[in-house]
Amino acid sequence: MFDEIANIAAFLLEIKAVKFQPQEPFTWASGWKSPVYCDNRLTLSYPALRSMVCDALVELVQKRFPDADGIAGVATAGIPQGVLVADRLNLPFLYIRSAPKSHGLTNQVEGRIESGKRYVVVEDLISTGGSSIKAVEALRREGGTVEGVAAVFNYGFPHADEAFSNASCPFAALLNLDILLEKANEIHYIQPAEMEVIRQWRKDPQAWTDQRA
């Protein structure tokens, strides 16, 4: 599977789904500023890459969460990935909104939940882990048992490890920042100075953000 993951990383860089902007950092929903951004949504526009990601996620779910009875996608970016995985595994699918609807049935979880069934939550990427944990909690409130979270990309922050540990929820991701940086350096997609900025940022994203306030 290692070669497959390396190929996915290379493909993400080829389609410019990964952007490095140390001088003009991105701002996340958490308020953190980041010199790097991974837009996995772009994978959906490339059939070959889309299939590679789906195959790898299916293998990840089968290996780490073999007792799954269903797949739940986190809105919005986790929905298409989750649908593809659920279809390949022939499992029920549902999705989880960031908050309950303000009208209609006011659902936060869309789809039929069977109490006691074991679900794998599929996420696009994990940064602080906040959105993933909210989705896990919403699914649990509705009676679902969460086997764990499977993501395409994980930035690798201790904050996320702590959040998942506190929620008693295992998680796994196909890619992490180290893999992307290694591949980006290999193909000269990133300059050494940019690499150093990203490494410093990852040590303490909040301090890095505060310095740029």
C-alpha atoms as a PDB file:
ATOM      1  CA  MET A   1       0.000   0.000   0.000  1.00  0.00           C
ATOM      2  CA  PHE A   2       3.005   2.290   0.515  1.00  0.00           C
ATOM      3  CA  ASP A   3       3.597   2.647  -3.235  1.00  0.00           C
ATOM      4  CA  GLU A   4      -0.075   3.433  -3.740  1.00  0.00           C
ATOM      5  CA  ILE A   5       0.049   6.197  -1.123  1.00  0.00           C
ATOM      6  CA  ALA A   6       3.213   7.647  -2.662  1.00  0.00           C
ATOM      7  CA  ASN A   7       1.461   7.699  -6.045  1.00  0.00           C
ATOM      8  CA  ILE A   8      -1.526   9.511  -4.548  1.00  0.00           C
ATOM      9  CA  ALA A   9       0.791  12.093  -2.987  1.00  0.00           C
ATOM     10  CA  ALA A  10       2.541  12.627  -6.319  1.00  0.00           C
ATOM     11  CA  PHE A  11      -0.790  12.962  -8.127  1.00  0.00           C
ATOM     12  CA  LEU A  12      -2.044  15.533  -5.590  1.00  0.00           C
ATOM     13  CA  LEU A  13       1.047  17.628  -6.217  1.00  0.00           C
ATOM     14  CA  GLU A  14       0.729  17.194  -9.986  1.00  0.00           C
ATOM     15  CA  ILE A  15      -2.815  18.606 -10.032  1.00  0.00           C
ATOM     16  CA  LYS A  16      -1.772  21.345  -7.594  1.00  0.00           C
ATOM     17  CA  ALA A  17      -4.198  20.226  -4.916  1.00  0.00           C
ATOM     18  CA  VAL A  18      -1.466  21.038  -2.398  1.00  0.00           C
ATOM     19  CA  LYS A  19      -0.573  24.712  -2.093  1.00  0.00           C
ATOM     20  CA  PHE A  20       2.379  26.149  -0.180  1.00  0.00           C
ATOM     21  CA  GLN A  21       2.071  29.855   0.647  1.00  0.00           C
ATOM     22  CA  PRO A  22       4.382  30.775   3.547  1.00  0.00           C
ATOM     23  CA  GLN A  23       4.221  34.473   2.662  1.00  0.00           C
ATOM     24  CA  GLU A  24       0.439  34.558   2.227  1.00  0.00           C
ATOM     25  CA  PRO A  25      -0.822  31.906   4.664  1.00  0.00           C
ATOM     26  CA  PHE A  26      -4.293  30.452   4.585  1.00  0.00           C
ATOM     27  CA  THR A  27      -6.710  30.957   7.473  1.00  0.00           C
ATOM     28  CA  TRP A  28      -8.505  27.892   8.832  1.00  0.00           C
ATOM     29  CA  ALA A  29     -11.901  27.747  10.496  1.00  0.00           C
ATOM     30  CA  SER A  30     -10.081  27.282  13.809  1.00  0.00           C
ATOM     31  CA  GLY A  31      -8.436  30.682  13.327  1.00  0.00           C
ATOM     32  CA  TRP A  32      -4.993  29.196  12.763  1.00  0.00           C
ATOM     33  CA  LYS A  33      -2.958  30.482   9.871  1.00  0.00           C
ATOM     34  CA  SER A  34      -1.256  27.873   7.721  1.00  0.00           C
ATOM     35  CA  PRO A  35       1.463  28.024   5.067  1.00  0.00           C
ATOM     36  CA  VAL A  36       0.082  24.859   3.457  1.00  0.00           C
ATOM     37  CA  TYR A  37      -3.351  23.793   2.241  1.00  0.00           C
ATOM     38  CA  CYS A  38      -4.430  20.415   0.878  1.00  0.00           C
ATOM     39  CA  ASP A  39      -7.585  20.555  -1.248  1.00  0.00           C
ATOM     40  CA  ASN A  40      -8.620  16.924  -1.619  1.00  0.00           C
ATOM     41  CA  ARG A  41     -11.870  17.957  -3.315  1.00  0.00           C
ATOM     42  CA  LEU A  42      -9.900  18.282  -6.530  1.00  0.00           C
ATOM     43  CA  THR A  43      -9.384  14.516  -6.571  1.00  0.00           C
ATOM     44  CA  LEU A  44     -13.032  14.133  -7.564  1.00  0.00           C
ATOM     45  CA  SER A  45     -12.360  15.807 -10.918  1.00  0.00           C
ATOM     46  CA  TYR A  46      -9.712  13.247 -11.908  1.00  0.00           C
ATOM     47  CA  PRO A  47     -11.203   9.757 -12.410  1.00  0.00           C
ATOM     48  CA  ALA A  48      -7.889   7.912 -12.096  1.00  0.00           C
ATOM     49  CA  LEU A  49      -6.940   9.695  -8.884  1.00  0.00           C
ATOM     50  CA  ARG A  50     -10.495   9.411  -7.569  1.00  0.00           C
ATOM     51  CA  SER A  51     -10.323   5.641  -8.006  1.00  0.00           C
ATOM     52  CA  MET A  52      -6.897   5.465  -6.372  1.00  0.00           C
ATOM     53  CA  VAL A  53      -8.135   7.343  -3.303  1.00  0.00           C
ATOM     54  CA  CYS A  54     -11.270   5.204  -3.111  1.00  0.00           C
ATOM     55  CA  ASP A  55      -9.271   1.976  -3.394  1.00  0.00           C
ATOM     56  CA  ALA A  56      -6.901   3.100  -0.664  1.00  0.00           C
ATOM     57  CA  LEU A  57      -9.726   4.173   1.652  1.00  0.00           C
ATOM     58  CA  VAL A  58     -11.514   0.872   1.118  1.00  0.00           C
ATOM     59  CA  GLU A  59      -8.322  -0.990   2.022  1.00  0.00           C
ATOM     60  CA  LEU A  60      -7.871   1.235   5.077  1.00  0.00           C
ATOM     61  CA  VAL A  61     -11.418   0.587   6.303  1.00  0.00           C
ATOM     62  CA  GLN A  62     -11.121  -3.154   5.729  1.00  0.00           C
ATOM     63  CA  LYS A  63      -7.818  -3.293   7.587  1.00  0.00           C
ATOM     64  CA  ARG A  64      -8.500  -0.952  10.511  1.00  0.00           C
ATOM     65  CA  PHE A  65     -12.276  -1.238  10.906  1.00  0.00           C
ATOM     66  CA  PRO A  66     -13.272  -4.660   9.550  1.00  0.00           C
ATOM     67  CA  ASP A  67     -16.495  -4.859  11.589  1.00  0.00           C
ATOM     68  CA  ALA A  68     -18.082  -1.765  10.024  1.00  0.00           C
ATOM     69  CA  ASP A  69     -21.796  -2.053   9.195  1.00  0.00           C
ATOM     70  CA  GLY A  70     -22.050   1.329   7.476  1.00  0.00           C
ATOM     71  CA  ILE A  71     -20.212   4.424   6.273  1.00  0.00           C
ATOM     72  CA  ALA A  72     -20.903   8.003   7.361  1.00  0.00           C
ATOM     73  CA  GLY A  73     -19.492  10.982   5.452  1.00  0.00           C
ATOM     74  CA  VAL A  74     -18.755  14.324   7.081  1.00  0.00           C
ATOM     75  CA  ALA A  75     -20.290  17.244   5.191  1.00  0.00           C
ATOM     76  CA  THR A  76     -19.272  18.426   2.834  1.00  0.00           C
ATOM     77  CA  ALA A  77     -15.960  17.076   1.551  1.00  0.00           C
ATOM     78  CA  GLY A  78     -16.336  13.694   3.259  1.00  0.00           C
ATOM     79  CA  ILE A  79     -19.644  12.976   1.537  1.00  0.00           C
ATOM     80  CA  PRO A  80     -18.393  12.050  -1.969  1.00  0.00           C
ATOM     81  CA  GLN A  81     -15.467  10.067  -0.595  1.00  0.00           C
ATOM     82  CA  GLY A  82     -17.805   8.256   1.799  1.00  0.00           C
ATOM     83  CA  VAL A  83     -20.320   7.448  -0.946  1.00  0.00           C
ATOM     84  CA  LEU A  84     -17.600   5.932  -3.121  1.00  0.00           C
ATOM     85  CA  VAL A  85     -16.301   3.796  -0.247  1.00  0.00           C
ATOM     86  CA  ALA A  86     -19.773   2.678   0.834  1.00  0.00           C
ATOM     87  CA  ASP A  87     -20.652   1.725  -2.725  1.00  0.00           C
ATOM     88  CA  ARG A  88     -17.461  -0.293  -3.152  1.00  0.00           C
ATOM     89  CA  LEU A  89     -18.052  -2.101   0.154  1.00  0.00           C
ATOM     90  CA  ASN A  90     -21.791  -2.483  -0.488  1.00  0.00           C
ATOM     91  CA  LEU A  91     -22.583  -0.860   2.863  1.00  0.00           C
ATOM     92  CA  PRO A  92     -25.303   1.611   3.897  1.00  0.00           C
ATOM     93  CA  PHE A  93     -24.343   5.290   3.715  1.00  0.00           C
ATOM     94  CA  LEU A  94     -25.399   8.374   5.626  1.00  0.00           C
ATOM     95  CA  TYR A  95     -23.900  11.808   6.120  1.00  0.00           C
ATOM     96  CA  ILE A  96     -23.442  14.197   8.994  1.00  0.00           C
ATOM     97  CA  ARG A  97     -23.994  17.954   8.797  1.00  0.00           C
ATOM     98  CA  SER A  98     -21.896  20.403  10.803  1.00  0.00           C
ATOM     99  CA  ALA A  99     -25.112  21.439  12.575  1.00  0.00           C
ATOM    100  CA  PRO A 100     -28.797  20.446  12.488  1.00  0.00           C
ATOM    101  CA  LYS A 101     -30.887  21.935   9.671  1.00  0.00           C
ATOM    102  CA  SER A 102     -32.791  25.046  10.665  1.00  0.00           C
ATOM    103  CA  HIS A 103     -35.926  23.902   8.812  1.00  0.00           C
ATOM    104  CA  GLY A 104     -37.785  20.777   7.748  1.00  0.00           C
ATOM    105  CA  LEU A 105     -36.914  17.751   9.861  1.00  0.00           C
ATOM    106  CA  THR A 106     -34.008  19.650  11.501  1.00  0.00           C
ATOM    107  CA  ASN A 107     -31.766  16.624  11.007  1.00  0.00           C
ATOM    108  CA  GLN A 108     -28.035  16.714  11.582  1.00  0.00           C
ATOM    109  CA  VAL A 109     -27.545  13.133  10.472  1.00  0.00           C
ATOM    110  CA  GLU A 110     -29.101  12.355   7.096  1.00  0.00           C
ATOM    111  CA  GLY A 111     -29.886   8.746   6.243  1.00  0.00           C
ATOM    112  CA  ARG A 112     -31.287   5.783   8.133  1.00  0.00           C
ATOM    113  CA  ILE A 113     -29.416   5.023  11.345  1.00  0.00           C
ATOM    114  CA  GLU A 114     -29.830   1.617  12.889  1.00  0.00           C
ATOM    115  CA  SER A 115     -29.220   1.607  16.622  1.00  0.00           C
ATOM    116  CA  GLY A 116     -26.192  -0.436  17.595  1.00  0.00           C
ATOM    117  CA  LYS A 117     -24.837  -0.625  14.053  1.00  0.00           C
ATOM    118  CA  ARG A 118     -21.143   0.134  13.706  1.00  0.00           C
ATOM    119  CA  TYR A 119     -20.166   3.021  11.438  1.00  0.00           C
ATOM    120  CA  VAL A 120     -16.892   4.315  10.056  1.00  0.00           C
ATOM    121  CA  VAL A 121     -16.871   8.086   9.657  1.00  0.00           C
ATOM    122  CA  VAL A 122     -15.119   9.182   6.452  1.00  0.00           C
ATOM    123  CA  GLU A 123     -13.439  12.571   6.550  1.00  0.00           C
ATOM    124  CA  ASP A 124     -11.624  14.614   3.920  1.00  0.00           C
ATOM    125  CA  LEU A 125      -8.829  15.802   6.193  1.00  0.00           C
ATOM    126  CA  ILE A 126      -7.952  16.113   9.860  1.00  0.00           C
ATOM    127  CA  SER A 127      -6.330  19.229  11.274  1.00  0.00           C
ATOM    128  CA  THR A 128      -7.286  19.852  14.911  1.00  0.00           C
ATOM    129  CA  GLY A 129      -9.820  17.015  14.815  1.00  0.00           C
ATOM    130  CA  GLY A 130     -12.653  19.309  15.889  1.00  0.00           C
ATOM    131  CA  SER A 131     -15.060  18.792  12.995  1.00  0.00           C
ATOM    132  CA  SER A 132     -14.482  15.032  12.981  1.00  0.00           C
ATOM    133  CA  ILE A 133     -15.209  14.716  16.699  1.00  0.00           C
ATOM    134  CA  LYS A 134     -18.396  16.787  16.348  1.00  0.00           C
ATOM    135  CA  ALA A 135     -19.542  14.398  13.622  1.00  0.00           C
ATOM    136  CA  VAL A 136     -18.711  11.381  15.786  1.00  0.00           C
ATOM    137  CA  GLU A 137     -20.666  12.844  18.704  1.00  0.00           C
ATOM    138  CA  ALA A 138     -23.675  13.620  16.500  1.00  0.00           C
ATOM    139  CA  LEU A 139     -23.740  10.052  15.200  1.00  0.00           C
ATOM    140  CA  ARG A 140     -23.474   8.645  18.697  1.00  0.00           C
ATOM    141  CA  ARG A 141     -26.361  10.816  19.894  1.00  0.00           C
ATOM    142  CA  GLU A 142     -28.521   9.258  17.200  1.00  0.00           C
ATOM    143  CA  GLY A 143     -27.726   5.740  18.416  1.00  0.00           C
ATOM    144  CA  GLY A 144     -24.913   4.785  16.066  1.00  0.00           C
ATOM    145  CA  THR A 145     -21.740   3.103  17.280  1.00  0.00           C
ATOM    146  CA  VAL A 146     -18.615   4.664  15.798  1.00  0.00           C
ATOM    147  CA  GLU A 147     -15.858   2.211  14.946  1.00  0.00           C
ATOM    148  CA  GLY A 148     -13.490   5.013  14.010  1.00  0.00           C
ATOM    149  CA  VAL A 149     -12.641   7.752  11.522  1.00  0.00           C
ATOM    150  CA  ALA A 150     -10.927   7.178   8.168  1.00  0.00           C
ATOM    151  CA  ALA A 151      -9.507  10.262   6.449  1.00  0.00           C
ATOM    152  CA  VAL A 152      -7.686  11.063   3.251  1.00  0.00           C
ATOM    153  CA  PHE A 153      -5.196  13.429   4.909  1.00  0.00           C
ATOM    154  CA  ASN A 154      -3.954  14.166   8.421  1.00  0.00           C
ATOM    155  CA  TYR A 155      -1.747  17.149   9.255  1.00  0.00           C
ATOM    156  CA  GLY A 156      -0.354  15.207  12.210  1.00  0.00           C
ATOM    157  CA  PHE A 157      -0.949  17.638  15.068  1.00  0.00           C
ATOM    158  CA  PRO A 158      -0.861  16.445  18.705  1.00  0.00           C
ATOM    159  CA  HIS A 159      -4.100  18.430  19.167  1.00  0.00           C
ATOM    160  CA  ALA A 160      -5.883  15.929  16.928  1.00  0.00           C
ATOM    161  CA  ASP A 161      -4.370  12.922  18.698  1.00  0.00           C
ATOM    162  CA  GLU A 162      -5.568  14.332  22.012  1.00  0.00           C
ATOM    163  CA  ALA A 163      -9.050  15.141  20.699  1.00  0.00           C
ATOM    164  CA  PHE A 164      -9.585  11.635  19.343  1.00  0.00           C
ATOM    165  CA  SER A 165      -8.189  10.070  22.493  1.00  0.00           C
ATOM    166  CA  ASN A 166     -10.557  12.122  24.662  1.00  0.00           C
ATOM    167  CA  ALA A 167     -13.451  11.036  22.453  1.00  0.00           C
ATOM    168  CA  SER A 168     -12.371   7.375  22.679  1.00  0.00           C
ATOM    169  CA  CYS A 169     -12.372   7.223  18.898  1.00  0.00           C
ATOM    170  CA  PRO A 170      -9.575   5.636  16.841  1.00  0.00           C
ATOM    171  CA  PHE A 171      -8.644   7.240  13.538  1.00  0.00           C
ATOM    172  CA  ALA A 172      -6.427   6.600  10.554  1.00  0.00           C
ATOM    173  CA  ALA A 173      -5.472   8.534   7.423  1.00  0.00           C
ATOM    174  CA  LEU A 174      -3.991   7.647   4.053  1.00  0.00           C
ATOM    175  CA  LEU A 175      -1.610  10.588   3.881  1.00  0.00           C
ATOM    176  CA  ASN A 176       0.131  12.893   6.303  1.00  0.00           C
ATOM    177  CA  LEU A 177       2.169  16.057   5.956  1.00  0.00           C
ATOM    178  CA  ASP A 178       5.498  14.214   6.162  1.00  0.00           C
ATOM    179  CA  ILE A 179       4.628  12.085   3.126  1.00  0.00           C
ATOM    180  CA  LEU A 180       3.545  15.124   1.127  1.00  0.00           C
ATOM    181  CA  LEU A 181       6.643  17.125   2.057  1.00  0.00           C
ATOM    182  CA  GLU A 182       8.933  14.220   1.193  1.00  0.00           C
ATOM    183  CA  LYS A 183       7.336  13.843  -2.224  1.00  0.00           C
ATOM    184  CA  ALA A 184       7.246  17.624  -2.795  1.00  0.00           C
ATOM    185  CA  ASN A 185      10.951  17.850  -1.993  1.00  0.00           C
ATOM    186  CA  GLU A 186      11.726  14.881  -4.238  1.00  0.00           C
ATOM    187  CA  ILE A 187      10.130  16.482  -7.301  1.00  0.00           C
ATOM    188  CA  HIS A 188      11.280  20.028  -6.422  1.00  0.00           C
ATOM    189  CA  TYR A 189       7.716  21.197  -5.899  1.00  0.00           C
ATOM    190  CA  ILE A 190       8.803  23.178  -2.837  1.00  0.00           C
ATOM    191  CA  GLN A 191      11.834  25.299  -2.004  1.00  0.00           C
ATOM    192  CA  PRO A 192      14.072  24.462   1.002  1.00  0.00           C
ATOM    193  CA  ALA A 193      13.185  27.781   2.659  1.00  0.00           C
ATOM    194  CA  GLU A 194       9.477  26.997   2.331  1.00  0.00           C
ATOM    195  CA  MET A 195      10.069  23.554   3.781  1.00  0.00           C
ATOM    196  CA  GLU A 196      11.701  25.073   6.851  1.00  0.00           C
ATOM    197  CA  VAL A 197       8.810  27.516   7.363  1.00  0.00           C
ATOM    198  CA  ILE A 198       6.317  24.648   7.261  1.00  0.00           C
ATOM    199  CA  ARG A 199       8.324  22.621   9.751  1.00  0.00           C
ATOM    200  CA  GLN A 200       8.489  25.573  12.142  1.00  0.00           C
ATOM    201  CA  TRP A 201       4.747  26.156  11.731  1.00  0.00           C
ATOM    202  CA  ARG A 202       3.898  22.560  12.543  1.00  0.00           C
ATOM    203  CA  LYS A 203       5.852  22.684  15.811  1.00  0.00           C
ATOM    204  CA  ASP A 204       3.450  25.312  17.181  1.00  0.00           C
ATOM    205  CA  PRO A 205       0.714  26.517  14.790  1.00  0.00           C
ATOM    206  CA  GLN A 206      -0.818  28.836  17.396  1.00  0.00           C
ATOM    207  CA  ALA A 207       2.459  30.626  18.106  1.00  0.00           C
ATOM    208  CA  TRP A 208       3.154  30.832  14.366  1.00  0.00           C
ATOM    209  CA  THR A 209      -0.330  32.355  13.892  1.00  0.00           C
ATOM    210  CA  ASP A 210       0.137  34.831  16.748  1.00  0.00           C
ATOM    211  CA  GLN A 211       3.376  36.086  15.207  1.00  0.00           C
ATOM    212  CA  ARG A 212       1.420  37.056  12.107  1.00  0.00           C
ATOM    213  CA  ALA A 213      -1.526  38.707  13.851  1.00  0.00           C
END
